[in-house]
C-alpha atoms as a PDB file:
ATOM      1  CA  MET A   1      72.322  56.147  -7.317  1.00  0.00           C
ATOM      2  CA  THR A   2      76.092  54.452  -7.439  1.00  0.00           C
ATOM      3  CA  GLY A   3      78.278  53.032  -4.836  1.00  0.00           C
ATOM      4  CA  GLU A   4      77.128  49.841  -2.568  1.00  0.00           C
ATOM      5  CA  GLN A   5      73.297  49.254  -1.116  1.00  0.00           C
ATOM      6  CA  GLU A   6      71.667  47.269   1.217  1.00  0.00           C
ATOM      7  CA  ALA A   7      68.267  46.147   1.290  1.00  0.00           C
ATOM      8  CA  THR A   8      66.788  43.712   3.412  1.00  0.00           C
ATOM      9  CA  LEU A   9      63.902  41.870   4.543  1.00  0.00           C
ATOM     10  CA  SER A  10      61.728  43.705   7.363  1.00  0.00           C
ATOM     11  CA  ASP A  11      60.884  41.876  10.769  1.00  0.00           C
ATOM     12  CA  SER A  12      57.651  40.796   9.571  1.00  0.00           C
ATOM     13  CA  GLY A  13      58.729  39.080   6.428  1.00  0.00           C
ATOM     14  CA  ILE A  14      56.451  40.894   4.112  1.00  0.00           C
ATOM     15  CA  ALA A  15      58.719  43.849   3.374  1.00  0.00           C
ATOM     16  CA  ILE A  16      61.776  45.114   1.070  1.00  0.00           C
ATOM     17  CA  VAL A  17      63.400  47.829   3.435  1.00  0.00           C
ATOM     18  CA  TRP A  18      65.846  49.952   1.506  1.00  0.00           C
ATOM     19  CA  ASN A  19      66.248  53.491   2.180  1.00  0.00           C
ATOM     20  CA  GLY A  20      64.406  53.627   5.248  1.00  0.00           C
ATOM     21  CA  LYS A  21      61.210  52.899   3.130  1.00  0.00           C
ATOM     22  CA  ASN A  22      59.282  49.565   3.172  1.00  0.00           C
ATOM     23  CA  TYR A  23      58.638  47.882  -0.854  1.00  0.00           C
ATOM     24  CA  THR A  24      57.355  45.009  -1.632  1.00  0.00           C
ATOM     25  CA  SER A  25      59.837  44.903  -4.627  1.00  0.00           C
ATOM     26  CA  ILE A  26      62.617  47.461  -6.209  1.00  0.00           C
ATOM     27  CA  GLU A  27      64.349  47.406  -9.236  1.00  0.00           C
ATOM     28  CA  PHE A  28      67.970  47.907  -9.703  1.00  0.00           C
ATOM     29  CA  THR A  29      68.776  49.114 -13.310  1.00  0.00           C
ATOM     30  CA  PRO A  30      72.739  50.176 -14.390  1.00  0.00           C
ATOM     31  CA  THR A  31      73.077  53.470 -15.739  1.00  0.00           C
ATOM     32  CA  SER A  32      75.196  51.322 -18.681  1.00  0.00           C
ATOM     33  CA  TYR A  33      74.983  47.713 -19.689  1.00  0.00           C
ATOM     34  CA  ASP A  34      78.731  47.774 -21.001  1.00  0.00           C
ATOM     35  CA  GLY A  35      80.348  46.545 -18.086  1.00  0.00           C
ATOM     36  CA  ASP A  36      78.187  47.516 -15.150  1.00  0.00           C
ATOM     37  CA  SER A  37      77.344  44.990 -12.849  1.00  0.00           C
ATOM     38  CA  PHE A  38      76.651  44.230  -9.271  1.00  0.00           C
ATOM     39  CA  GLU A  39      77.166  42.047  -6.714  1.00  0.00           C
ATOM     40  CA  LEU A  40      75.063  39.648  -4.144  1.00  0.00           C
ATOM     41  CA  GLU A  41      76.270  38.651  -0.752  1.00  0.00           C
ATOM     42  CA  ASP A  42      75.506  35.560   0.605  1.00  0.00           C
ATOM     43  CA  VAL A  43      73.947  34.153  -2.516  1.00  0.00           C
ATOM     44  CA  VAL A  44      72.323  31.089  -1.562  1.00  0.00           C
ATOM     45  CA  ILE A  45      73.822  28.136  -4.587  1.00  0.00           C
ATOM     46  CA  GLY A  46      73.672  23.981  -4.683  1.00  0.00           C
ATOM     47  CA  VAL A  47      70.108  24.446  -2.825  1.00  0.00           C
ATOM     48  CA  ASP A  48      69.255  21.225  -1.731  1.00  0.00           C
ATOM     49  CA  PHE A  49      72.532  19.787  -2.959  1.00  0.00           C
ATOM     50  CA  HIS A  50      74.783  18.483  -0.250  1.00  0.00           C
ATOM     51  CA  TRP A  51      77.700  21.069  -1.645  1.00  0.00           C
ATOM     52  CA  GLN A  52      74.544  23.405  -0.545  1.00  0.00           C
ATOM     53  CA  ARG A  53      76.886  27.351   0.179  1.00  0.00           C
ATOM     54  CA  LYS A  54      76.682  30.877   0.528  1.00  0.00           C
ATOM     55  CA  GLU A  55      78.652  32.922  -1.717  1.00  0.00           C
ATOM     56  CA  ARG A  56      79.190  36.503  -3.024  1.00  0.00           C
ATOM     57  CA  GLN A  57      78.559  36.476  -6.605  1.00  0.00           C
ATOM     58  CA  GLN A  58      78.527  39.691  -8.979  1.00  0.00           C
ATOM     59  CA  PHE A  59      76.025  40.007 -11.887  1.00  0.00           C
ATOM     60  CA  ARG A  60      75.454  42.223 -15.035  1.00  0.00           C
ATOM     61  CA  GLY A  61      72.008  43.572 -16.196  1.00  0.00           C
ATOM     62  CA  SER A  62      69.006  45.058 -13.753  1.00  0.00           C
ATOM     63  CA  ILE A  63      68.456  43.183 -10.209  1.00  0.00           C
ATOM     64  CA  ARG A  64      64.815  43.008  -8.862  1.00  0.00           C
ATOM     65  CA  LEU A  65      64.552  41.862  -5.228  1.00  0.00           C
ATOM     66  CA  ILE A  66      60.833  40.679  -4.208  1.00  0.00           C
ATOM     67  CA  VAL A  67      59.324  39.493  -1.094  1.00  0.00           C
ATOM     68  CA  SER A  68      57.962  35.862  -1.759  1.00  0.00           C
ATOM     69  CA  ASP A  69      56.434  33.659   0.526  1.00  0.00           C
ATOM     70  CA  GLY A  70      58.050  35.364   2.965  1.00  0.00           C
ATOM     71  CA  ASN A  71      61.964  35.030   1.436  1.00  0.00           C
ATOM     72  CA  LEU A  72      64.280  38.260   0.278  1.00  0.00           C
ATOM     73  CA  THR A  73      64.307  37.068  -3.521  1.00  0.00           C
ATOM     74  CA  ALA A  74      66.968  37.931  -6.612  1.00  0.00           C
ATOM     75  CA  VAL A  75      66.115  38.205 -10.035  1.00  0.00           C
ATOM     76  CA  ASN A  76      68.653  38.997 -12.422  1.00  0.00           C
ATOM     77  CA  ILE A  77      67.293  40.827 -15.798  1.00  0.00           C
ATOM     78  CA  VAL A  78      69.483  40.341 -18.520  1.00  0.00           C
ATOM     79  CA  LYS A  79      69.073  40.031 -22.409  1.00  0.00           C
ATOM     80  CA  VAL A  80      68.994  36.699 -23.619  1.00  0.00           C
ATOM     81  CA  GLU A  81      72.287  36.264 -25.711  1.00  0.00           C
ATOM     82  CA  ASP A  82      73.729  37.163 -22.453  1.00  0.00           C
ATOM     83  CA  TYR A  83      71.722  34.548 -20.630  1.00  0.00           C
ATOM     84  CA  LEU A  84      72.874  32.173 -22.530  1.00  0.00           C
ATOM     85  CA  ILE A  85      76.856  33.035 -22.379  1.00  0.00           C
ATOM     86  CA  SER A  86      75.753  32.626 -18.724  1.00  0.00           C
ATOM     87  CA  VAL A  87      74.134  29.173 -18.944  1.00  0.00           C
ATOM     88  CA  ILE A  88      76.897  27.895 -21.741  1.00  0.00           C
ATOM     89  CA  SER A  89      79.765  28.857 -19.426  1.00  0.00           C
ATOM     90  CA  SER A  90      78.991  27.349 -16.905  1.00  0.00           C
ATOM     91  CA  GLU A  91      77.201  24.965 -18.069  1.00  0.00           C
ATOM     92  CA  MET A  92      80.377  23.276 -20.573  1.00  0.00           C
ATOM     93  CA  SER A  93      83.948  22.630 -20.562  1.00  0.00           C
ATOM     94  CA  SER A  94      86.026  25.763 -21.665  1.00  0.00           C
ATOM     95  CA  THR A  95      87.959  22.924 -23.877  1.00  0.00           C
ATOM     96  CA  SER A  96      84.902  21.570 -25.923  1.00  0.00           C
ATOM     97  CA  SER A  97      84.857  21.700 -29.131  1.00  0.00           C
ATOM     98  CA  LEU A  98      83.530  25.130 -30.639  1.00  0.00           C
ATOM     99  CA  PRO A  99      80.409  22.678 -32.877  1.00  0.00           C
ATOM    100  CA  LEU A 100      79.707  21.247 -28.718  1.00  0.00           C
ATOM    101  CA  LEU A 101      79.432  24.857 -27.858  1.00  0.00           C
ATOM    102  CA  ARG A 102      77.402  26.062 -31.146  1.00  0.00           C
ATOM    103  CA  ALA A 103      74.814  22.858 -30.680  1.00  0.00           C
ATOM    104  CA  HIS A 104      74.480  23.812 -26.715  1.00  0.00           C
ATOM    105  CA  ALA A 105      73.469  27.046 -27.526  1.00  0.00           C
ATOM    106  CA  VAL A 106      71.205  26.282 -30.329  1.00  0.00           C
ATOM    107  CA  ILE A 107      69.484  24.088 -28.052  1.00  0.00           C
ATOM    108  CA  SER A 108      69.656  26.537 -24.688  1.00  0.00           C
ATOM    109  CA  ARG A 109      68.198  29.680 -26.899  1.00  0.00           C
ATOM    110  CA  SER A 110      65.430  27.047 -28.076  1.00  0.00           C
ATOM    111  CA  TRP A 111      64.540  25.657 -24.568  1.00  0.00           C
ATOM    112  CA  LEU A 112      64.493  29.261 -23.443  1.00  0.00           C
ATOM    113  CA  LEU A 113      62.412  30.625 -25.904  1.00  0.00           C
ATOM    114  CA  ALA A 114      60.160  27.685 -25.884  1.00  0.00           C
ATOM    115  CA  GLN A 115      59.188  28.795 -21.908  1.00  0.00           C
ATOM    116  CA  MET A 116      59.216  32.326 -22.731  1.00  0.00           C
ATOM    117  CA  ARG A 117      56.356  31.285 -25.484  1.00  0.00           C
ATOM    118  CA  HIS A 118      54.536  28.665 -23.746  1.00  0.00           C
ATOM    119  CA  ARG A 119      54.064  29.495 -20.630  1.00  0.00           C
ATOM    120  CA  SER A 120      50.021  30.079 -19.598  1.00  0.00           C
ATOM    121  CA  THR A 121      48.709  32.424 -17.395  1.00  0.00           C
ATOM    122  CA  PRO A 122      52.138  34.035 -15.255  1.00  0.00           C
ATOM    123  CA  ARG A 123      52.540  35.088 -12.009  1.00  0.00           C
ATOM    124  CA  VAL A 124      51.858  38.855 -11.188  1.00  0.00           C
ATOM    125  CA  ASP A 125      55.604  39.116 -10.164  1.00  0.00           C
ATOM    126  CA  SER A 126      57.311  37.244 -12.484  1.00  0.00           C
ATOM    127  CA  PHE A 127      56.158  38.680 -15.913  1.00  0.00           C
ATOM    128  CA  ARG A 128      56.102  42.426 -17.148  1.00  0.00           C
ATOM    129  CA  ARG A 129      55.410  43.621 -21.188  1.00  0.00           C
ATOM    130  CA  SER A 130      56.508  46.130 -22.621  1.00  0.00           C
ATOM    131  CA  ASP A 131      56.526  47.243 -26.508  1.00  0.00           C
ATOM    132  CA  THR A 132      59.659  46.266 -26.891  1.00  0.00           C
ATOM    133  CA  GLU A 133      59.838  43.756 -24.337  1.00  0.00           C
ATOM    134  CA  ILE A 134      58.878  40.395 -22.243  1.00  0.00           C
ATOM    135  CA  THR A 135      60.147  39.550 -18.815  1.00  0.00           C
ATOM    136  CA  ARG A 136      59.328  36.376 -17.732  1.00  0.00           C
ATOM    137  CA  TRP A 137      61.380  34.590 -14.665  1.00  0.00           C
END
């Protein structure tokens, strides 16, 4: 399905309502990872900081919506290298030296893979495994 979609939290806060049906989680996967994206409105950024605000944000990859503690949570599912591009571009200046950017990439990749490897008992809603991938958030 393409085009604008709307998913909301039910009045009781225990389900996602999409196309008139209730779900505890739902995942939208792009038809192509080469340029397909989605936008979320009213994304809260800077949680608990003085600059906390809501804004529209665009993401690549898949999106999984889950109900967690009465809130609607969006999880962006991306390949490790795409995640690293996002992290480095958001944490580093575009004028940083190439060696510094490379070092940041190595550190970020190492940290991420260590988190994925050492997480002990993942929550059911934060873990998915297939023959070709492990997804955790």
